[in-house]
Amino acid sequence: MEGYIKNIELQFLVINYIGLQEKYERKKHCDKIQSNSSLTIKRTSNHKDGTKSA
């Protein structure tokens, strides 16, 4: 019975680890999108005559 409990604990750890990895990957992806969008905002500057350049 003890071996069975250990097996469940191990599975739980693996599931947690995979979940953490996915969270980390998603966060990296979001950070990349955010840095890209902030670059775009900086690039879209207003000209003196009021027109915008992309």
C-alpha atoms as a PDB file:
ATOM      1  CA  MET A   1       0.000   0.000   0.000  1.00  0.00           C
ATOM      2  CA  GLU A   2       2.857   2.366   0.831  1.00  0.00           C
ATOM      3  CA  GLY A   3       4.315   1.970  -2.658  1.00  0.00           C
ATOM      4  CA  TYR A   4       0.921   2.858  -4.116  1.00  0.00           C
ATOM      5  CA  ILE A   5       0.783   6.107  -2.105  1.00  0.00           C
ATOM      6  CA  LYS A   6       4.320   7.011  -3.199  1.00  0.00           C
ATOM      7  CA  ASN A   7       3.310   6.440  -6.808  1.00  0.00           C
ATOM      8  CA  ILE A   8       0.379   8.857  -6.464  1.00  0.00           C
ATOM      9  CA  GLU A   9       2.660  11.450  -4.865  1.00  0.00           C
ATOM     10  CA  LEU A  10       5.109  11.066  -7.738  1.00  0.00           C
ATOM     11  CA  GLN A  11       2.357  11.485 -10.332  1.00  0.00           C
ATOM     12  CA  PHE A  12       1.170  14.585  -8.481  1.00  0.00           C
ATOM     13  CA  LEU A  13       4.684  16.050  -8.541  1.00  0.00           C
ATOM     14  CA  VAL A  14       5.007  15.373 -12.260  1.00  0.00           C
ATOM     15  CA  ILE A  15       1.629  16.991 -12.973  1.00  0.00           C
ATOM     16  CA  ASN A  16       2.632  20.011 -10.867  1.00  0.00           C
ATOM     17  CA  TYR A  17       5.954  20.274 -12.675  1.00  0.00           C
ATOM     18  CA  ILE A  18       4.315  20.168 -16.098  1.00  0.00           C
ATOM     19  CA  GLY A  19       1.766  22.760 -14.952  1.00  0.00           C
ATOM     20  CA  LEU A  20       4.542  25.061 -13.750  1.00  0.00           C
ATOM     21  CA  GLN A  21       6.418  24.644 -17.023  1.00  0.00           C
ATOM     22  CA  GLU A  22       3.326  25.559 -19.033  1.00  0.00           C
ATOM     23  CA  LYS A  23       2.738  28.593 -16.833  1.00  0.00           C
ATOM     24  CA  TYR A  24       6.346  29.681 -17.340  1.00  0.00           C
ATOM     25  CA  GLU A  25       6.149  29.221 -21.121  1.00  0.00           C
ATOM     26  CA  ARG A  26       2.913  31.183 -21.241  1.00  0.00           C
ATOM     27  CA  LYS A  27       4.460  33.981 -19.161  1.00  0.00           C
ATOM     28  CA  LYS A  28       7.486  34.109 -21.459  1.00  0.00           C
ATOM     29  CA  HIS A  29       5.158  34.312 -24.449  1.00  0.00           C
ATOM     30  CA  CYS A  30       3.128  37.116 -22.844  1.00  0.00           C
ATOM     31  CA  ASP A  31       6.296  39.029 -21.941  1.00  0.00           C
ATOM     32  CA  LYS A  32       7.449  38.734 -25.554  1.00  0.00           C
ATOM     33  CA  ILE A  33       4.109  40.090 -26.814  1.00  0.00           C
ATOM     34  CA  GLN A  34       4.234  42.947 -24.290  1.00  0.00           C
ATOM     35  CA  SER A  35       7.770  43.965 -25.238  1.00  0.00           C
ATOM     36  CA  ASN A  36       6.807  43.800 -28.919  1.00  0.00           C
ATOM     37  CA  SER A  37       3.747  45.995 -28.396  1.00  0.00           C
ATOM     38  CA  SER A  38       5.722  48.539 -26.368  1.00  0.00           C
ATOM     39  CA  LEU A  39       8.246  48.718 -29.211  1.00  0.00           C
ATOM     40  CA  THR A  40       5.402  49.327 -31.646  1.00  0.00           C
ATOM     41  CA  ILE A  41       4.036  52.114 -29.454  1.00  0.00           C
ATOM     42  CA  LYS A  42       7.459  53.773 -29.315  1.00  0.00           C
ATOM     43  CA  ARG A  43       7.816  53.437 -33.062  1.00  0.00           C
ATOM     44  CA  THR A  44       4.448  55.129 -33.726  1.00  0.00           C
ATOM     45  CA  SER A  45       5.575  58.675 -33.080  1.00  0.00           C
ATOM     46  CA  ASN A  46       3.653  61.837 -33.843  1.00  0.00           C
ATOM     47  CA  HIS A  47       5.099  64.153 -36.464  1.00  0.00           C
ATOM     48  CA  LYS A  48       5.048  67.920 -36.121  1.00  0.00           C
ATOM     49  CA  ASP A  49       2.329  68.287 -38.774  1.00  0.00           C
ATOM     50  CA  GLY A  50       0.007  65.968 -36.824  1.00  0.00           C
ATOM     51  CA  THR A  51       0.297  62.855 -39.016  1.00  0.00           C
ATOM     52  CA  LYS A  52       1.343  59.561 -37.463  1.00  0.00           C
ATOM     53  CA  SER A  53       3.967  57.208 -38.814  1.00  0.00           C
ATOM     54  CA  ALA A  54       3.700  53.489 -38.173  1.00  0.00           C
END
